Amino acid sequence: MYIGDELRDIKAAKKNGLLCVGVAWGYDSLDLLKTGDADFVAKQPKDILDILSGA
């Protein structure tokens, strides 16, 4: 799993066959991250824990 805050992170993860999480508190805006079709989007750090636990 790849966690990134930029659209290029999402694209790199997809290109390498990894699940990816876009985080909304980083460099790129949430709207831009969504264009990359990330597998998950975390709006706050706790969301990553929920994703990892399968909640």
PDB file of N, CA and C in Angstrom:
ATOM      1  N   MET A   1       0.842  -1.167   0.000  1.00  0.00           N
ATOM      2  CA  MET A   1       0.000   0.000   0.000  1.00  0.00           C
ATOM      3  C   MET A   1       0.893   1.238   0.000  1.00  0.00           C
ATOM      4  N   TYR A   2       0.509   2.192  -0.817  1.00  0.00           N
ATOM      5  CA  TYR A   2       1.257   3.444  -0.954  1.00  0.00           C
ATOM      6  C   TYR A   2       0.371   4.574  -0.442  1.00  0.00           C
ATOM      7  N   ILE A   3       0.910   5.415   0.397  1.00  0.00           N
ATOM      8  CA  ILE A   3       0.173   6.558   0.929  1.00  0.00           C
ATOM      9  C   ILE A   3       0.847   7.813   0.403  1.00  0.00           C
ATOM     10  N   GLY A   4       0.058   8.658  -0.259  1.00  0.00           N
ATOM     11  CA  GLY A   4       0.649   9.848  -0.848  1.00  0.00           C
ATOM     12  C   GLY A   4      -0.242  11.063  -0.761  1.00  0.00           C
ATOM     13  N   ASP A   5       0.374  12.216  -0.910  1.00  0.00           N
ATOM     14  CA  ASP A   5      -0.376  13.468  -0.840  1.00  0.00           C
ATOM     15  C   ASP A   5      -0.363  14.243  -2.155  1.00  0.00           C
ATOM     16  N   GLU A   6       0.119  13.604  -3.216  1.00  0.00           N
ATOM     17  CA  GLU A   6       0.156  14.246  -4.524  1.00  0.00           C
ATOM     18  C   GLU A   6      -0.414  13.303  -5.573  1.00  0.00           C
ATOM     19  N   LEU A   7      -0.965  13.886  -6.620  1.00  0.00           N
ATOM     20  CA  LEU A   7      -1.525  13.100  -7.714  1.00  0.00           C
ATOM     21  C   LEU A   7      -0.471  12.165  -8.301  1.00  0.00           C
ATOM     22  N   ARG A   8       0.758  12.627  -8.386  1.00  0.00           N
ATOM     23  CA  ARG A   8       1.810  11.781  -8.952  1.00  0.00           C
ATOM     24  C   ARG A   8       2.066  10.548  -8.080  1.00  0.00           C
ATOM     25  N   ASP A   9       1.819  10.646  -6.782  1.00  0.00           N
ATOM     26  CA  ASP A   9       1.933   9.477  -5.901  1.00  0.00           C
ATOM     27  C   ASP A   9       0.879   8.428  -6.265  1.00  0.00           C
ATOM     28  N   ILE A  10      -0.327   8.885  -6.507  1.00  0.00           N
ATOM     29  CA  ILE A  10      -1.423   7.982  -6.870  1.00  0.00           C
ATOM     30  C   ILE A  10      -1.107   7.307  -8.199  1.00  0.00           C
ATOM     31  N   LYS A  11      -0.651   8.089  -9.160  1.00  0.00           N
ATOM     32  CA  LYS A  11      -0.311   7.526 -10.476  1.00  0.00           C
ATOM     33  C   LYS A  11       0.823   6.508 -10.373  1.00  0.00           C
ATOM     34  N   ALA A  12       1.823   6.799  -9.560  1.00  0.00           N
ATOM     35  CA  ALA A  12       2.951   5.870  -9.394  1.00  0.00           C
ATOM     36  C   ALA A  12       2.489   4.567  -8.750  1.00  0.00           C
ATOM     37  N   ALA A  13       1.631   4.669  -7.755  1.00  0.00           N
ATOM     38  CA  ALA A  13       1.116   3.464  -7.098  1.00  0.00           C
ATOM     39  C   ALA A  13       0.330   2.611  -8.080  1.00  0.00           C
ATOM     40  N   LYS A  14      -0.553   3.234  -8.832  1.00  0.00           N
ATOM     41  CA  LYS A  14      -1.351   2.506  -9.825  1.00  0.00           C
ATOM     42  C   LYS A  14      -0.456   1.844 -10.869  1.00  0.00           C
ATOM     43  N   LYS A  15       0.535   2.567 -11.347  1.00  0.00           N
ATOM     44  CA  LYS A  15       1.448   2.041 -12.364  1.00  0.00           C
ATOM     45  C   LYS A  15       2.193   0.804 -11.868  1.00  0.00           C
ATOM     46  N   ASN A  16       2.435   0.748 -10.555  1.00  0.00           N
ATOM     47  CA  ASN A  16       3.176  -0.367  -9.969  1.00  0.00           C
ATOM     48  C   ASN A  16       2.281  -1.416  -9.308  1.00  0.00           C
ATOM     49  N   GLY A  17       0.974  -1.319  -9.546  1.00  0.00           N
ATOM     50  CA  GLY A  17       0.046  -2.318  -9.057  1.00  0.00           C
ATOM     51  C   GLY A  17      -0.190  -2.314  -7.559  1.00  0.00           C
ATOM     52  N   LEU A  18      -0.002  -1.166  -6.924  1.00  0.00           N
ATOM     53  CA  LEU A  18      -0.187  -1.056  -5.481  1.00  0.00           C
ATOM     54  C   LEU A  18      -1.534  -0.435  -5.146  1.00  0.00           C
ATOM     55  N   LEU A  19      -2.097  -0.820  -4.014  1.00  0.00           N
ATOM     56  CA  LEU A  19      -3.245  -0.091  -3.483  1.00  0.00           C
ATOM     57  C   LEU A  19      -2.734   1.269  -3.042  1.00  0.00           C
ATOM     58  N   CYS A  20      -3.561   2.282  -3.181  1.00  0.00           N
ATOM     59  CA  CYS A  20      -3.086   3.610  -2.802  1.00  0.00           C
ATOM     60  C   CYS A  20      -4.120   4.370  -1.989  1.00  0.00           C
ATOM     61  N   VAL A  21      -3.582   5.181  -1.094  1.00  0.00           N
ATOM     62  CA  VAL A  21      -4.383   6.056  -0.247  1.00  0.00           C
ATOM     63  C   VAL A  21      -3.931   7.482  -0.517  1.00  0.00           C
ATOM     64  N   GLY A  22      -4.852   8.325  -0.914  1.00  0.00           N
ATOM     65  CA  GLY A  22      -4.561   9.739  -1.056  1.00  0.00           C
ATOM     66  C   GLY A  22      -4.930  10.444   0.236  1.00  0.00           C
ATOM     67  N   VAL A  23      -4.060  11.287   0.730  1.00  0.00           N
ATOM     68  CA  VAL A  23      -4.343  12.006   1.972  1.00  0.00           C
ATOM     69  C   VAL A  23      -4.681  13.467   1.678  1.00  0.00           C
ATOM     70  N   ALA A  24      -5.746  13.941   2.311  1.00  0.00           N
ATOM     71  CA  ALA A  24      -6.295  15.262   2.006  1.00  0.00           C
ATOM     72  C   ALA A  24      -5.547  16.417   2.652  1.00  0.00           C
ATOM     73  N   TRP A  25      -4.604  16.134   3.540  1.00  0.00           N
ATOM     74  CA  TRP A  25      -3.922  17.221   4.259  1.00  0.00           C
ATOM     75  C   TRP A  25      -2.529  17.505   3.709  1.00  0.00           C
ATOM     76  N   GLY A  26      -2.242  17.023   2.529  1.00  0.00           N
ATOM     77  CA  GLY A  26      -0.906  17.186   1.977  1.00  0.00           C
ATOM     78  C   GLY A  26      -0.798  18.281   0.944  1.00  0.00           C
ATOM     79  N   TYR A  27       0.058  18.064  -0.024  1.00  0.00           N
ATOM     80  CA  TYR A  27       0.407  19.080  -1.015  1.00  0.00           C
ATOM     81  C   TYR A  27      -0.736  19.374  -1.990  1.00  0.00           C
ATOM     82  N   ASP A  28      -1.276  18.330  -2.635  1.00  0.00           N
ATOM     83  CA  ASP A  28      -2.341  18.531  -3.628  1.00  0.00           C
ATOM     84  C   ASP A  28      -3.705  18.593  -2.955  1.00  0.00           C
ATOM     85  N   SER A  29      -4.629  19.272  -3.613  1.00  0.00           N
ATOM     86  CA  SER A  29      -5.991  19.390  -3.079  1.00  0.00           C
ATOM     87  C   SER A  29      -6.717  18.047  -3.172  1.00  0.00           C
ATOM     88  N   LEU A  30      -7.738  17.900  -2.365  1.00  0.00           N
ATOM     89  CA  LEU A  30      -8.548  16.680  -2.371  1.00  0.00           C
ATOM     90  C   LEU A  30      -9.188  16.476  -3.739  1.00  0.00           C
ATOM     91  N   ASP A  31      -9.667  17.549  -4.359  1.00  0.00           N
ATOM     92  CA  ASP A  31     -10.279  17.433  -5.683  1.00  0.00           C
ATOM     93  C   ASP A  31      -9.292  16.909  -6.713  1.00  0.00           C
ATOM     94  N   LEU A  32      -8.061  17.368  -6.663  1.00  0.00           N
ATOM     95  CA  LEU A  32      -7.050  16.898  -7.596  1.00  0.00           C
ATOM     96  C   LEU A  32      -6.714  15.430  -7.322  1.00  0.00           C
ATOM     97  N   LEU A  33      -6.583  15.060  -6.060  1.00  0.00           N
ATOM     98  CA  LEU A  33      -6.291  13.664  -5.719  1.00  0.00           C
ATOM     99  C   LEU A  33      -7.382  12.723  -6.232  1.00  0.00           C
ATOM    100  N   LYS A  34      -8.617  13.156  -6.156  1.00  0.00           N
ATOM    101  CA  LYS A  34      -9.739  12.316  -6.605  1.00  0.00           C
ATOM    102  C   LYS A  34      -9.664  12.024  -8.093  1.00  0.00           C
ATOM    103  N   THR A  35      -9.042  12.883  -8.871  1.00  0.00           N
ATOM    104  CA  THR A  35      -8.925  12.634 -10.314  1.00  0.00           C
ATOM    105  C   THR A  35      -8.015  11.451 -10.598  1.00  0.00           C
ATOM    106  N   GLY A  36      -7.172  11.092  -9.641  1.00  0.00           N
ATOM    107  CA  GLY A  36      -6.267   9.962  -9.804  1.00  0.00           C
ATOM    108  C   GLY A  36      -6.901   8.624  -9.479  1.00  0.00           C
ATOM    109  N   ASP A  37      -8.139   8.654  -8.996  1.00  0.00           N
ATOM    110  CA  ASP A  37      -8.889   7.437  -8.677  1.00  0.00           C
ATOM    111  C   ASP A  37      -8.161   6.562  -7.661  1.00  0.00           C
ATOM    112  N   ALA A  38      -7.754   7.170  -6.556  1.00  0.00           N
ATOM    113  CA  ALA A  38      -7.105   6.419  -5.479  1.00  0.00           C
ATOM    114  C   ALA A  38      -8.064   5.359  -4.944  1.00  0.00           C
ATOM    115  N   ASP A  39      -7.516   4.284  -4.439  1.00  0.00           N
ATOM    116  CA  ASP A  39      -8.349   3.227  -3.874  1.00  0.00           C
ATOM    117  C   ASP A  39      -9.063   3.710  -2.615  1.00  0.00           C
ATOM    118  N   PHE A  40      -8.404   4.550  -1.857  1.00  0.00           N
ATOM    119  CA  PHE A  40      -8.963   5.120  -0.633  1.00  0.00           C
ATOM    120  C   PHE A  40      -8.529   6.572  -0.526  1.00  0.00           C
ATOM    121  N   VAL A  41      -9.329   7.361   0.184  1.00  0.00           N
ATOM    122  CA  VAL A  41      -8.962   8.742   0.484  1.00  0.00           C
ATOM    123  C   VAL A  41      -9.086   8.934   1.995  1.00  0.00           C
ATOM    124  N   ALA A  42      -8.043   9.439   2.599  1.00  0.00           N
ATOM    125  CA  ALA A  42      -8.035   9.719   4.029  1.00  0.00           C
ATOM    126  C   ALA A  42      -8.166  11.220   4.232  1.00  0.00           C
ATOM    127  N   LYS A  43      -9.201  11.603   4.946  1.00  0.00           N
ATOM    128  CA  LYS A  43      -9.403  13.025   5.214  1.00  0.00           C
ATOM    129  C   LYS A  43      -8.713  13.462   6.487  1.00  0.00           C
ATOM    130  N   GLN A  44      -8.374  12.497   7.340  1.00  0.00           N
ATOM    131  CA  GLN A  44      -7.632  12.761   8.577  1.00  0.00           C
ATOM    132  C   GLN A  44      -6.773  11.538   8.871  1.00  0.00           C
ATOM    133  N   PRO A  45      -5.707  11.704   9.637  1.00  0.00           N
ATOM    134  CA  PRO A  45      -4.797  10.582   9.886  1.00  0.00           C
ATOM    135  C   PRO A  45      -5.483   9.316  10.424  1.00  0.00           C
ATOM    136  N   LYS A  46      -6.489   9.464  11.266  1.00  0.00           N
ATOM    137  CA  LYS A  46      -7.188   8.310  11.813  1.00  0.00           C
ATOM    138  C   LYS A  46      -7.799   7.443  10.713  1.00  0.00           C
ATOM    139  N   ASP A  47      -8.173   8.047   9.595  1.00  0.00           N
ATOM    140  CA  ASP A  47      -8.756   7.286   8.487  1.00  0.00           C
ATOM    141  C   ASP A  47      -7.814   6.206   7.969  1.00  0.00           C
ATOM    142  N   ILE A  48      -6.511   6.454   8.034  1.00  0.00           N
ATOM    143  CA  ILE A  48      -5.536   5.451   7.583  1.00  0.00           C
ATOM    144  C   ILE A  48      -5.628   4.208   8.458  1.00  0.00           C
ATOM    145  N   LEU A  49      -5.765   4.409   9.762  1.00  0.00           N
ATOM    146  CA  LEU A  49      -5.917   3.260  10.661  1.00  0.00           C
ATOM    147  C   LEU A  49      -7.190   2.488  10.355  1.00  0.00           C
ATOM    148  N   ASP A  50      -8.266   3.199  10.050  1.00  0.00           N
ATOM    149  CA  ASP A  50      -9.512   2.532   9.701  1.00  0.00           C
ATOM    150  C   ASP A  50      -9.377   1.741   8.411  1.00  0.00           C
ATOM    151  N   ILE A  51      -8.677   2.293   7.440  1.00  0.00           N
ATOM    152  CA  ILE A  51      -8.460   1.609   6.166  1.00  0.00           C
ATOM    153  C   ILE A  51      -7.643   0.339   6.390  1.00  0.00           C
ATOM    154  N   LEU A  52      -6.591   0.451   7.170  1.00  0.00           N
ATOM    155  CA  LEU A  52      -5.732  -0.697   7.429  1.00  0.00           C
ATOM    156  C   LEU A  52      -6.448  -1.806   8.202  1.00  0.00           C
ATOM    157  N   SER A  53      -7.377  -1.417   9.071  1.00  0.00           N
ATOM    158  CA  SER A  53      -8.094  -2.423   9.867  1.00  0.00           C
ATOM    159  C   SER A  53      -9.308  -2.976   9.131  1.00  0.00           C
ATOM    160  N   GLY A  54      -9.611  -2.407   7.961  1.00  0.00           N
ATOM    161  CA  GLY A  54     -10.729  -2.896   7.165  1.00  0.00           C
ATOM    162  C   GLY A  54     -12.083  -2.388   7.625  1.00  0.00           C
ATOM    163  N   ALA A  55     -12.076  -1.355   8.424  1.00  0.00           N
ATOM    164  CA  ALA A  55     -13.342  -0.799   8.933  1.00  0.00           C
ATOM    165  C   ALA A  55     -14.124  -0.084   7.852  1.00  0.00           C
TER     166      ALA A  55
END
